[in-house]
Amino acid sequence: MEKEAVTKRQKEVLKIIYANLITAGFPPSFSELKERLKISSNQSLLDFFSILEKKNLIRREEGSARGIKILRKGYRAINARPLAPIVGFTSAGSFTEAIEEIDAWQPLSKDVETIADDVMIVRVMGDSMINANIKDGDLILFKKTNEFVSGDIVLAQTPDGTTVKRFISQDKPPYKFLKPENPKYPIITFTAETEIIGKMVRKLNNDIEFR
């Protein structure tokens, strides 16, 4: 339908955002966008974003001036490969603090474009998953989901931080736990604070440099 068409101006905005993600690792600021688009007020820019959101071209995070994410429809509109955020470091041995800020964005291969809106890339630290062929420094593509089964390798938030482990569910104590793939590490039992953020899609080639 005509009202769903992506205008030249809207494509221009999407291309500016995309280029900034690639070169700087984050979306452009309001000031940068206003200057590039020759828009005088923040409200005019917000109104523009509202149109893009209604067309499912972008998604914005509340309270973040740079919290702009291009959605799959937006990538298609500018004929660009979807990007996945590299969200910092997680631990596969000792725990680290919660996931840090996005370090960079990485183009996705064609076979995972359909889940591009719900993925992130995490660099693993430690050796607790070596028997699953996940080594220190490996980059793992995770899909954010609430659907997972026993045996899935997951990214989990615990009271001590984030970690990559194998999720196990069984009919005897401990009923649910996170299992390392290295016998020198203990299992991590579930608590009320444990949350699974996503499950592993694949390991990526380690050729991405953090900005």
N, C-alpha and C. Protein backbone atom coordinates (compact mmCIF):
# COMPACT_ATOMS: atom_id res chain seq x y z
N MET A 1 0.84 -1.19 0.00
CA MET A 1 0.00 0.00 0.00
C MET A 1 0.88 1.24 0.00
N GLU A 2 0.34 2.36 -0.51
CA GLU A 2 1.11 3.59 -0.67
C GLU A 2 1.62 4.10 0.68
N LYS A 3 0.76 4.03 1.72
CA LYS A 3 1.15 4.58 3.01
C LYS A 3 2.29 3.79 3.65
N GLU A 4 2.53 2.58 3.19
CA GLU A 4 3.59 1.76 3.73
C GLU A 4 4.90 1.94 2.97
N ALA A 5 4.88 2.68 1.88
CA ALA A 5 6.08 2.86 1.08
C ALA A 5 7.13 3.61 1.89
N VAL A 6 8.39 3.22 1.69
CA VAL A 6 9.51 3.88 2.37
C VAL A 6 10.00 5.01 1.47
N THR A 7 9.94 6.23 1.95
CA THR A 7 10.30 7.38 1.15
C THR A 7 11.82 7.53 1.03
N LYS A 8 12.22 8.35 0.09
CA LYS A 8 13.65 8.63 -0.11
C LYS A 8 14.27 9.22 1.15
N ARG A 9 13.53 10.11 1.81
CA ARG A 9 14.01 10.75 3.05
C ARG A 9 14.18 9.72 4.16
N GLN A 10 13.24 8.80 4.28
CA GLN A 10 13.33 7.76 5.30
C GLN A 10 14.51 6.83 5.04
N LYS A 11 14.75 6.51 3.77
CA LYS A 11 15.90 5.69 3.43
C LYS A 11 17.20 6.42 3.77
N GLU A 12 17.21 7.73 3.57
CA GLU A 12 18.40 8.53 3.89
C GLU A 12 18.74 8.40 5.38
N VAL A 13 17.72 8.49 6.23
CA VAL A 13 17.94 8.37 7.67
C VAL A 13 18.47 6.97 8.02
N LEU A 14 17.86 5.95 7.45
CA LEU A 14 18.30 4.58 7.71
C LEU A 14 19.75 4.37 7.29
N LYS A 15 20.13 4.94 6.17
CA LYS A 15 21.51 4.80 5.69
C LYS A 15 22.49 5.52 6.60
N ILE A 16 22.10 6.67 7.13
CA ILE A 16 22.97 7.40 8.06
C ILE A 16 23.18 6.59 9.33
N ILE A 17 22.10 6.04 9.85
CA ILE A 17 22.19 5.22 11.07
C ILE A 17 23.06 3.99 10.81
N TYR A 18 22.83 3.33 9.69
CA TYR A 18 23.58 2.12 9.35
C TYR A 18 25.08 2.42 9.24
N ALA A 19 25.42 3.49 8.53
CA ALA A 19 26.83 3.84 8.35
C ALA A 19 27.50 4.14 9.68
N ASN A 20 26.76 4.80 10.59
CA ASN A 20 27.34 5.14 11.90
C ASN A 20 27.57 3.88 12.73
N LEU A 21 26.65 2.92 12.65
CA LEU A 21 26.83 1.66 13.38
C LEU A 21 28.09 0.94 12.91
N ILE A 22 28.31 0.94 11.60
CA ILE A 22 29.47 0.26 11.04
C ILE A 22 30.78 0.97 11.42
N THR A 23 30.80 2.28 11.31
CA THR A 23 32.06 3.02 11.49
C THR A 23 32.36 3.36 12.94
N ALA A 24 31.31 3.66 13.72
CA ALA A 24 31.53 4.11 15.10
C ALA A 24 31.11 3.09 16.15
N GLY A 25 30.24 2.14 15.79
CA GLY A 25 29.78 1.14 16.75
C GLY A 25 28.51 1.53 17.48
N PHE A 26 27.95 2.70 17.15
CA PHE A 26 26.72 3.14 17.80
C PHE A 26 25.97 4.08 16.85
N PRO A 27 24.65 4.28 17.08
CA PRO A 27 23.89 5.17 16.21
C PRO A 27 24.35 6.62 16.36
N PRO A 28 24.05 7.48 15.39
CA PRO A 28 24.40 8.88 15.52
C PRO A 28 23.59 9.56 16.62
N SER A 29 24.12 10.64 17.18
CA SER A 29 23.40 11.41 18.19
C SER A 29 22.32 12.26 17.54
N PHE A 30 21.44 12.81 18.38
CA PHE A 30 20.42 13.71 17.86
C PHE A 30 21.07 14.88 17.13
N SER A 31 22.12 15.45 17.71
CA SER A 31 22.78 16.61 17.10
C SER A 31 23.35 16.26 15.73
N GLU A 32 23.96 15.09 15.63
CA GLU A 32 24.53 14.66 14.35
C GLU A 32 23.45 14.45 13.31
N LEU A 33 22.35 13.83 13.73
CA LEU A 33 21.26 13.58 12.78
C LEU A 33 20.60 14.88 12.34
N LYS A 34 20.38 15.78 13.28
CA LYS A 34 19.76 17.07 12.92
C LYS A 34 20.62 17.83 11.92
N GLU A 35 21.94 17.78 12.13
CA GLU A 35 22.84 18.47 11.21
C GLU A 35 22.83 17.84 9.83
N ARG A 36 22.87 16.49 9.79
CA ARG A 36 22.89 15.80 8.51
C ARG A 36 21.58 15.99 7.75
N LEU A 37 20.47 16.03 8.50
CA LEU A 37 19.15 16.08 7.87
C LEU A 37 18.62 17.51 7.75
N LYS A 38 19.38 18.47 8.32
CA LYS A 38 18.95 19.87 8.32
C LYS A 38 17.60 20.03 9.01
N ILE A 39 17.48 19.38 10.19
CA ILE A 39 16.30 19.49 11.04
C ILE A 39 16.67 20.36 12.23
N SER A 40 15.79 21.29 12.60
CA SER A 40 16.16 22.28 13.62
C SER A 40 15.86 21.87 15.06
N SER A 41 14.85 21.03 15.28
CA SER A 41 14.45 20.72 16.65
C SER A 41 14.45 19.23 16.94
N ASN A 42 14.63 18.92 18.23
CA ASN A 42 14.56 17.53 18.66
C ASN A 42 13.18 16.94 18.40
N GLN A 43 12.13 17.75 18.60
CA GLN A 43 10.77 17.26 18.42
C GLN A 43 10.52 16.84 16.98
N SER A 44 11.05 17.61 16.04
CA SER A 44 10.90 17.24 14.63
C SER A 44 11.55 15.90 14.35
N LEU A 45 12.71 15.68 14.98
CA LEU A 45 13.41 14.40 14.79
C LEU A 45 12.64 13.27 15.46
N LEU A 46 12.09 13.53 16.65
CA LEU A 46 11.30 12.51 17.34
C LEU A 46 10.06 12.14 16.54
N ASP A 47 9.44 13.14 15.93
CA ASP A 47 8.27 12.86 15.08
C ASP A 47 8.66 11.98 13.89
N PHE A 48 9.84 12.23 13.36
CA PHE A 48 10.35 11.44 12.24
C PHE A 48 10.59 9.99 12.68
N PHE A 49 11.20 9.83 13.87
CA PHE A 49 11.44 8.49 14.41
C PHE A 49 10.12 7.75 14.62
N SER A 50 9.10 8.49 15.08
CA SER A 50 7.80 7.87 15.33
C SER A 50 7.23 7.25 14.05
N ILE A 51 7.41 7.95 12.94
CA ILE A 51 6.95 7.42 11.65
C ILE A 51 7.72 6.15 11.28
N LEU A 52 9.04 6.19 11.49
CA LEU A 52 9.87 5.02 11.17
C LEU A 52 9.48 3.82 12.04
N GLU A 53 9.15 4.08 13.31
CA GLU A 53 8.74 2.99 14.20
C GLU A 53 7.39 2.42 13.78
N LYS A 54 6.46 3.28 13.40
CA LYS A 54 5.14 2.80 12.97
C LYS A 54 5.24 1.94 11.72
N LYS A 55 6.25 2.20 10.90
CA LYS A 55 6.47 1.40 9.69
C LYS A 55 7.34 0.17 9.97
N ASN A 56 7.69 -0.03 11.26
CA ASN A 56 8.53 -1.17 11.65
C ASN A 56 9.89 -1.16 10.95
N LEU A 57 10.43 0.04 10.78
CA LEU A 57 11.77 0.18 10.18
C LEU A 57 12.85 0.27 11.25
N ILE A 58 12.51 0.84 12.41
CA ILE A 58 13.44 0.95 13.52
C ILE A 58 12.72 0.63 14.83
N ARG A 59 13.51 0.45 15.88
CA ARG A 59 12.98 0.34 17.24
C ARG A 59 13.86 1.21 18.13
N ARG A 60 13.25 1.99 19.01
CA ARG A 60 13.99 2.87 19.89
C ARG A 60 13.87 2.43 21.33
N GLU A 61 14.96 2.60 22.09
CA GLU A 61 14.97 2.29 23.51
C GLU A 61 14.67 3.56 24.28
N GLU A 62 13.73 3.45 25.21
CA GLU A 62 13.37 4.61 26.02
C GLU A 62 14.55 5.07 26.87
N GLY A 63 14.71 6.38 26.96
CA GLY A 63 15.73 6.94 27.83
C GLY A 63 17.13 6.93 27.26
N SER A 64 17.27 6.56 26.00
CA SER A 64 18.60 6.53 25.38
C SER A 64 18.57 7.32 24.07
N ALA A 65 19.35 8.41 24.04
CA ALA A 65 19.37 9.24 22.84
C ALA A 65 19.92 8.48 21.65
N ARG A 66 20.82 7.51 21.90
CA ARG A 66 21.42 6.74 20.81
C ARG A 66 20.81 5.34 20.69
N GLY A 67 19.74 5.08 21.42
CA GLY A 67 19.17 3.74 21.43
C GLY A 67 18.28 3.46 20.24
N ILE A 68 18.86 3.44 19.06
CA ILE A 68 18.11 3.20 17.83
C ILE A 68 18.58 1.89 17.21
N LYS A 69 17.64 1.00 16.92
CA LYS A 69 17.97 -0.28 16.30
C LYS A 69 17.22 -0.40 14.98
N ILE A 70 17.94 -0.66 13.91
CA ILE A 70 17.28 -0.90 12.62
C ILE A 70 16.69 -2.31 12.63
N LEU A 71 15.43 -2.42 12.20
CA LEU A 71 14.77 -3.72 12.15
C LEU A 71 14.92 -4.34 10.76
N ARG A 72 14.53 -5.59 10.64
CA ARG A 72 14.74 -6.32 9.39
C ARG A 72 14.11 -5.61 8.19
N LYS A 73 12.93 -5.06 8.37
CA LYS A 73 12.27 -4.33 7.29
C LYS A 73 13.09 -3.09 6.88
N GLY A 74 13.73 -2.46 7.87
CA GLY A 74 14.57 -1.31 7.59
C GLY A 74 15.80 -1.68 6.78
N TYR A 75 16.42 -2.81 7.12
CA TYR A 75 17.57 -3.27 6.34
C TYR A 75 17.18 -3.56 4.90
N ARG A 76 16.02 -4.19 4.73
CA ARG A 76 15.56 -4.50 3.37
C ARG A 76 15.32 -3.23 2.57
N ALA A 77 14.82 -2.18 3.24
CA ALA A 77 14.50 -0.93 2.55
C ALA A 77 15.74 -0.28 1.94
N ILE A 78 16.90 -0.49 2.58
CA ILE A 78 18.14 0.11 2.06
C ILE A 78 19.07 -0.95 1.47
N ASN A 79 18.54 -2.17 1.30
CA ASN A 79 19.29 -3.25 0.67
C ASN A 79 20.64 -3.48 1.38
N ALA A 80 20.58 -3.56 2.72
CA ALA A 80 21.80 -3.72 3.52
C ALA A 80 21.72 -5.01 4.36
N ARG A 81 22.87 -5.59 4.63
CA ARG A 81 22.92 -6.79 5.47
C ARG A 81 22.59 -6.42 6.91
N PRO A 82 21.73 -7.20 7.60
CA PRO A 82 21.43 -6.93 9.00
C PRO A 82 22.69 -6.98 9.86
N LEU A 83 22.66 -6.20 10.94
CA LEU A 83 23.79 -6.13 11.86
C LEU A 83 23.40 -6.74 13.20
N ALA A 84 24.37 -7.36 13.86
CA ALA A 84 24.18 -7.86 15.21
C ALA A 84 25.13 -7.12 16.14
N PRO A 85 24.66 -6.72 17.34
CA PRO A 85 25.55 -6.03 18.27
C PRO A 85 26.53 -7.00 18.92
N ILE A 86 27.77 -6.55 19.07
CA ILE A 86 28.74 -7.26 19.88
C ILE A 86 28.68 -6.62 21.26
N VAL A 87 28.17 -7.35 22.24
CA VAL A 87 27.76 -6.74 23.50
C VAL A 87 28.80 -6.82 24.60
N GLY A 88 30.06 -7.01 24.25
CA GLY A 88 31.09 -7.01 25.28
C GLY A 88 31.53 -8.41 25.62
N PHE A 89 31.85 -8.61 26.87
CA PHE A 89 32.45 -9.86 27.30
C PHE A 89 31.56 -10.58 28.30
N THR A 90 31.55 -11.90 28.22
CA THR A 90 30.93 -12.71 29.26
C THR A 90 31.93 -13.76 29.69
N SER A 91 31.63 -14.44 30.76
CA SER A 91 32.58 -15.39 31.32
C SER A 91 32.15 -16.82 31.05
N ALA A 92 33.10 -17.66 30.66
CA ALA A 92 32.85 -19.10 30.57
C ALA A 92 33.81 -19.81 31.51
N GLY A 93 34.22 -19.15 32.55
CA GLY A 93 35.08 -19.72 33.58
C GLY A 93 34.72 -19.02 34.87
N SER A 94 35.44 -17.96 35.20
CA SER A 94 35.04 -17.12 36.33
C SER A 94 33.98 -16.14 35.85
N PHE A 95 33.16 -15.67 36.80
CA PHE A 95 32.09 -14.74 36.42
C PHE A 95 32.63 -13.33 36.17
N THR A 96 31.92 -12.61 35.33
CA THR A 96 32.18 -11.19 35.15
C THR A 96 30.90 -10.44 35.49
N GLU A 97 30.98 -9.14 35.44
CA GLU A 97 29.78 -8.34 35.70
C GLU A 97 28.81 -8.49 34.52
N ALA A 98 27.64 -7.92 34.69
CA ALA A 98 26.60 -8.02 33.65
C ALA A 98 27.13 -7.51 32.32
N ILE A 99 26.45 -7.92 31.26
CA ILE A 99 26.87 -7.56 29.90
C ILE A 99 27.11 -6.06 29.80
N GLU A 100 28.21 -5.71 29.18
CA GLU A 100 28.59 -4.31 29.08
C GLU A 100 27.98 -3.65 27.85
N GLU A 101 28.35 -2.43 27.62
CA GLU A 101 27.80 -1.69 26.50
C GLU A 101 28.25 -2.30 25.18
N ILE A 102 27.48 -2.01 24.15
CA ILE A 102 27.81 -2.51 22.82
C ILE A 102 29.14 -1.96 22.35
N ASP A 103 30.01 -2.84 21.87
CA ASP A 103 31.34 -2.44 21.40
C ASP A 103 31.37 -2.18 19.90
N ALA A 104 30.56 -2.92 19.14
CA ALA A 104 30.59 -2.80 17.68
C ALA A 104 29.37 -3.53 17.13
N TRP A 105 29.19 -3.44 15.82
CA TRP A 105 28.12 -4.14 15.13
C TRP A 105 28.73 -4.95 14.00
N GLN A 106 28.24 -6.17 13.83
CA GLN A 106 28.81 -7.09 12.84
C GLN A 106 27.74 -7.51 11.84
N PRO A 107 27.99 -7.36 10.52
CA PRO A 107 27.03 -7.85 9.53
C PRO A 107 26.80 -9.35 9.66
N LEU A 108 25.55 -9.77 9.47
CA LEU A 108 25.18 -11.18 9.60
C LEU A 108 25.18 -11.85 8.23
N SER A 109 25.44 -13.14 8.24
CA SER A 109 25.36 -13.91 7.01
C SER A 109 23.89 -14.10 6.63
N LYS A 110 23.65 -14.43 5.38
CA LYS A 110 22.28 -14.49 4.84
C LYS A 110 21.42 -15.51 5.57
N ASP A 111 22.01 -16.61 6.02
CA ASP A 111 21.20 -17.68 6.61
C ASP A 111 20.66 -17.36 7.99
N VAL A 112 21.09 -16.27 8.62
CA VAL A 112 20.53 -15.91 9.92
C VAL A 112 19.80 -14.56 9.88
N GLU A 113 19.56 -14.05 8.67
CA GLU A 113 18.88 -12.76 8.55
C GLU A 113 17.48 -12.79 9.14
N THR A 114 16.81 -13.94 9.11
CA THR A 114 15.43 -14.01 9.58
C THR A 114 15.30 -13.79 11.08
N ILE A 115 16.39 -13.96 11.84
CA ILE A 115 16.34 -13.74 13.28
C ILE A 115 17.15 -12.53 13.69
N ALA A 116 17.44 -11.66 12.73
CA ALA A 116 18.36 -10.54 12.97
C ALA A 116 17.88 -9.58 14.06
N ASP A 117 16.57 -9.46 14.24
CA ASP A 117 16.06 -8.52 15.23
C ASP A 117 16.30 -8.99 16.66
N ASP A 118 16.65 -10.25 16.84
CA ASP A 118 16.72 -10.82 18.20
C ASP A 118 18.04 -11.53 18.49
N VAL A 119 19.13 -11.07 17.89
CA VAL A 119 20.41 -11.74 18.13
C VAL A 119 21.45 -10.77 18.66
N MET A 120 22.48 -11.32 19.27
CA MET A 120 23.62 -10.55 19.73
C MET A 120 24.84 -11.45 19.70
N ILE A 121 26.00 -10.82 19.63
CA ILE A 121 27.26 -11.56 19.61
C ILE A 121 27.99 -11.30 20.91
N VAL A 122 28.49 -12.35 21.53
CA VAL A 122 29.18 -12.23 22.81
C VAL A 122 30.55 -12.90 22.71
N ARG A 123 31.58 -12.23 23.21
CA ARG A 123 32.90 -12.85 23.27
C ARG A 123 33.05 -13.54 24.62
N VAL A 124 33.42 -14.81 24.58
CA VAL A 124 33.53 -15.64 25.77
C VAL A 124 34.89 -15.46 26.43
N MET A 125 34.92 -15.48 27.75
CA MET A 125 36.16 -15.49 28.51
C MET A 125 36.22 -16.75 29.36
N GLY A 126 37.38 -17.39 29.43
CA GLY A 126 37.54 -18.55 30.28
C GLY A 126 37.51 -19.86 29.52
N ASP A 127 37.68 -20.95 30.26
CA ASP A 127 37.82 -22.27 29.63
C ASP A 127 36.80 -23.29 30.11
N SER A 128 35.69 -22.84 30.72
CA SER A 128 34.75 -23.80 31.30
C SER A 128 33.89 -24.50 30.26
N MET A 129 33.97 -24.10 28.97
CA MET A 129 33.16 -24.75 27.93
C MET A 129 34.03 -25.40 26.86
N ILE A 130 35.26 -25.73 27.19
CA ILE A 130 36.20 -26.24 26.17
C ILE A 130 35.75 -27.58 25.59
N ASN A 131 35.06 -28.40 26.37
CA ASN A 131 34.61 -29.70 25.85
C ASN A 131 33.41 -29.57 24.91
N ALA A 132 32.85 -28.37 24.81
CA ALA A 132 31.82 -28.07 23.81
C ALA A 132 32.44 -27.29 22.67
N ASN A 133 33.78 -27.28 22.59
CA ASN A 133 34.53 -26.58 21.55
C ASN A 133 34.30 -25.07 21.58
N ILE A 134 34.11 -24.55 22.80
CA ILE A 134 34.01 -23.11 23.01
C ILE A 134 35.20 -22.70 23.86
N LYS A 135 36.09 -21.93 23.26
CA LYS A 135 37.35 -21.59 23.92
C LYS A 135 37.39 -20.11 24.31
N ASP A 136 38.36 -19.79 25.13
CA ASP A 136 38.57 -18.42 25.55
C ASP A 136 38.75 -17.51 24.33
N GLY A 137 37.96 -16.45 24.26
CA GLY A 137 38.05 -15.51 23.14
C GLY A 137 37.10 -15.78 21.99
N ASP A 138 36.41 -16.93 22.00
CA ASP A 138 35.48 -17.24 20.91
C ASP A 138 34.30 -16.27 20.89
N LEU A 139 33.82 -16.01 19.68
CA LEU A 139 32.64 -15.17 19.48
C LEU A 139 31.44 -16.07 19.23
N ILE A 140 30.38 -15.89 20.04
CA ILE A 140 29.21 -16.74 19.96
C ILE A 140 27.99 -15.89 19.59
N LEU A 141 27.23 -16.37 18.60
CA LEU A 141 25.97 -15.72 18.22
C LEU A 141 24.84 -16.34 19.04
N PHE A 142 24.14 -15.49 19.79
CA PHE A 142 23.02 -15.93 20.62
C PHE A 142 21.72 -15.33 20.11
N LYS A 143 20.64 -16.11 20.20
CA LYS A 143 19.30 -15.62 19.90
C LYS A 143 18.58 -15.38 21.22
N LYS A 144 18.07 -14.15 21.41
CA LYS A 144 17.32 -13.84 22.61
C LYS A 144 15.96 -14.53 22.53
N THR A 145 15.68 -15.38 23.49
CA THR A 145 14.45 -16.17 23.45
C THR A 145 14.08 -16.67 24.83
N ASN A 146 12.81 -16.98 25.02
CA ASN A 146 12.34 -17.63 26.24
C ASN A 146 12.10 -19.11 26.03
N GLU A 147 12.44 -19.59 24.83
CA GLU A 147 12.20 -20.99 24.49
C GLU A 147 13.53 -21.73 24.41
N PHE A 148 13.74 -22.67 25.31
CA PHE A 148 14.96 -23.46 25.31
C PHE A 148 14.67 -24.79 25.99
N VAL A 149 15.49 -25.78 25.69
CA VAL A 149 15.29 -27.12 26.23
C VAL A 149 16.58 -27.59 26.88
N SER A 150 16.46 -28.63 27.68
CA SER A 150 17.63 -29.20 28.34
C SER A 150 18.67 -29.61 27.30
N GLY A 151 19.90 -29.17 27.52
CA GLY A 151 20.98 -29.47 26.60
C GLY A 151 21.41 -28.27 25.77
N ASP A 152 20.56 -27.23 25.70
CA ASP A 152 20.93 -26.02 24.97
C ASP A 152 22.09 -25.30 25.65
N ILE A 153 22.99 -24.75 24.87
CA ILE A 153 24.01 -23.86 25.41
C ILE A 153 23.42 -22.47 25.46
N VAL A 154 23.47 -21.85 26.64
CA VAL A 154 22.75 -20.60 26.85
C VAL A 154 23.66 -19.52 27.41
N LEU A 155 23.20 -18.29 27.25
CA LEU A 155 23.79 -17.13 27.91
C LEU A 155 22.88 -16.81 29.08
N ALA A 156 23.41 -16.87 30.28
CA ALA A 156 22.57 -16.73 31.48
C ALA A 156 23.05 -15.60 32.36
N GLN A 157 22.08 -14.93 32.96
CA GLN A 157 22.36 -13.90 33.97
C GLN A 157 22.17 -14.54 35.34
N THR A 158 23.17 -14.44 36.20
CA THR A 158 23.11 -14.98 37.54
C THR A 158 23.37 -13.85 38.53
N PRO A 159 23.19 -14.09 39.82
CA PRO A 159 23.50 -13.04 40.80
C PRO A 159 24.95 -12.55 40.73
N ASP A 160 25.83 -13.37 40.17
CA ASP A 160 27.25 -13.01 40.10
C ASP A 160 27.68 -12.43 38.76
N GLY A 161 26.79 -12.39 37.80
CA GLY A 161 27.15 -11.85 36.50
C GLY A 161 26.58 -12.68 35.37
N THR A 162 27.21 -12.65 34.21
CA THR A 162 26.75 -13.42 33.06
C THR A 162 27.72 -14.55 32.77
N THR A 163 27.18 -15.61 32.18
CA THR A 163 28.02 -16.76 31.88
C THR A 163 27.43 -17.56 30.74
N VAL A 164 28.28 -18.29 30.05
CA VAL A 164 27.85 -19.23 29.02
C VAL A 164 27.99 -20.64 29.58
N LYS A 165 26.89 -21.38 29.60
CA LYS A 165 26.89 -22.75 30.12
C LYS A 165 25.84 -23.56 29.38
N ARG A 166 25.80 -24.86 29.65
CA ARG A 166 24.76 -25.73 29.10
C ARG A 166 23.61 -25.80 30.10
N PHE A 167 22.39 -25.52 29.64
CA PHE A 167 21.22 -25.60 30.50
C PHE A 167 20.78 -27.05 30.64
N ILE A 168 20.55 -27.48 31.88
CA ILE A 168 20.10 -28.85 32.16
C ILE A 168 18.83 -28.79 33.00
N SER A 169 17.82 -29.54 32.59
CA SER A 169 16.59 -29.69 33.35
C SER A 169 16.33 -31.19 33.52
N GLN A 170 16.11 -31.62 34.76
CA GLN A 170 15.92 -33.06 35.02
C GLN A 170 14.87 -33.25 36.12
N ASP A 171 14.45 -34.49 36.34
CA ASP A 171 13.37 -34.76 37.29
C ASP A 171 13.87 -35.17 38.66
N LYS A 172 15.11 -34.83 38.98
CA LYS A 172 15.66 -35.09 40.31
C LYS A 172 16.55 -33.90 40.70
N PRO A 173 16.77 -33.71 42.00
CA PRO A 173 17.61 -32.57 42.42
C PRO A 173 19.03 -32.71 41.89
N PRO A 174 19.69 -31.61 41.54
CA PRO A 174 19.08 -30.27 41.35
C PRO A 174 18.28 -30.24 40.05
N TYR A 175 17.06 -29.80 40.11
CA TYR A 175 16.15 -29.93 38.97
C TYR A 175 16.59 -29.11 37.76
N LYS A 176 17.08 -27.90 38.01
CA LYS A 176 17.58 -27.05 36.94
C LYS A 176 18.94 -26.50 37.33
N PHE A 177 19.88 -26.56 36.39
CA PHE A 177 21.20 -26.01 36.68
C PHE A 177 21.93 -25.69 35.38
N LEU A 178 23.01 -24.93 35.52
CA LEU A 178 23.88 -24.58 34.40
C LEU A 178 25.14 -25.43 34.51
N LYS A 179 25.43 -26.18 33.46
CA LYS A 179 26.50 -27.16 33.51
C LYS A 179 27.70 -26.69 32.68
N PRO A 180 28.88 -26.60 33.28
CA PRO A 180 30.09 -26.30 32.50
C PRO A 180 30.50 -27.53 31.69
N GLU A 181 31.25 -27.31 30.63
CA GLU A 181 31.79 -28.41 29.83
C GLU A 181 33.29 -28.51 30.08
N ASN A 182 33.63 -28.52 31.35
CA ASN A 182 34.99 -28.70 31.82
C ASN A 182 34.87 -29.22 33.25
N PRO A 183 35.34 -30.43 33.54
CA PRO A 183 35.09 -31.05 34.85
C PRO A 183 35.69 -30.31 36.04
N LYS A 184 36.59 -29.38 35.80
CA LYS A 184 37.18 -28.67 36.94
C LYS A 184 36.28 -27.56 37.49
N TYR A 185 35.15 -27.29 36.79
CA TYR A 185 34.23 -26.26 37.24
C TYR A 185 32.95 -26.89 37.79
N PRO A 186 32.36 -26.32 38.86
CA PRO A 186 31.12 -26.87 39.43
C PRO A 186 29.90 -26.40 38.65
N ILE A 187 28.80 -27.12 38.82
CA ILE A 187 27.54 -26.69 38.23
C ILE A 187 27.05 -25.45 38.96
N ILE A 188 26.15 -24.73 38.31
CA ILE A 188 25.54 -23.54 38.92
C ILE A 188 24.04 -23.80 39.03
N THR A 189 23.55 -23.96 40.24
CA THR A 189 22.13 -24.24 40.43
C THR A 189 21.31 -22.97 40.22
N PHE A 190 20.06 -23.16 39.77
CA PHE A 190 19.18 -22.03 39.53
C PHE A 190 18.71 -21.43 40.86
N THR A 191 18.58 -20.09 40.86
CA THR A 191 17.97 -19.37 41.97
C THR A 191 16.89 -18.47 41.38
N ALA A 192 16.20 -17.74 42.26
CA ALA A 192 15.16 -16.82 41.79
C ALA A 192 15.73 -15.73 40.91
N GLU A 193 17.04 -15.44 41.06
CA GLU A 193 17.67 -14.37 40.29
C GLU A 193 18.25 -14.85 38.97
N THR A 194 18.25 -16.16 38.72
CA THR A 194 18.83 -16.68 37.49
C THR A 194 17.88 -16.44 36.31
N GLU A 195 18.44 -15.94 35.23
CA GLU A 195 17.64 -15.67 34.03
C GLU A 195 18.43 -16.07 32.79
N ILE A 196 17.80 -16.82 31.91
CA ILE A 196 18.43 -17.16 30.64
C ILE A 196 18.13 -16.08 29.63
N ILE A 197 19.18 -15.47 29.09
CA ILE A 197 19.04 -14.35 28.17
C ILE A 197 18.82 -14.84 26.75
N GLY A 198 19.52 -15.89 26.36
CA GLY A 198 19.38 -16.40 25.00
C GLY A 198 20.07 -17.73 24.84
N LYS A 199 19.88 -18.35 23.68
CA LYS A 199 20.55 -19.62 23.43
C LYS A 199 21.46 -19.51 22.22
N MET A 200 22.47 -20.35 22.22
CA MET A 200 23.50 -20.29 21.19
C MET A 200 22.95 -20.71 19.83
N VAL A 201 23.30 -19.89 18.82
CA VAL A 201 22.98 -20.23 17.44
C VAL A 201 24.18 -20.89 16.79
N ARG A 202 25.35 -20.26 16.95
CA ARG A 202 26.57 -20.82 16.40
C ARG A 202 27.78 -20.08 16.93
N LYS A 203 28.94 -20.67 16.73
CA LYS A 203 30.21 -19.98 16.98
C LYS A 203 30.63 -19.28 15.71
N LEU A 204 31.14 -18.07 15.84
CA LEU A 204 31.57 -17.29 14.69
C LEU A 204 33.08 -17.32 14.54
N ASN A 205 33.55 -16.95 13.35
CA ASN A 205 34.99 -16.81 13.15
C ASN A 205 35.50 -15.67 13.98
N ASN A 206 36.66 -15.82 14.57
CA ASN A 206 37.23 -14.80 15.44
C ASN A 206 38.02 -13.76 14.65
N ASP A 207 37.32 -13.07 13.75
CA ASP A 207 38.00 -12.08 12.92
C ASP A 207 37.38 -10.68 13.08
N ILE A 208 36.69 -10.47 14.23
CA ILE A 208 36.05 -9.20 14.49
C ILE A 208 36.91 -8.42 15.49
N GLU A 209 37.25 -7.21 15.15
CA GLU A 209 38.02 -6.36 16.05
C GLU A 209 37.07 -5.44 16.81
N PHE A 210 37.27 -5.35 18.15
CA PHE A 210 36.48 -4.44 18.95
C PHE A 210 36.96 -3.02 18.74
N ARG A 211 36.03 -2.08 18.60
CA ARG A 211 36.39 -0.68 18.43
C ARG A 211 36.53 -0.04 19.80
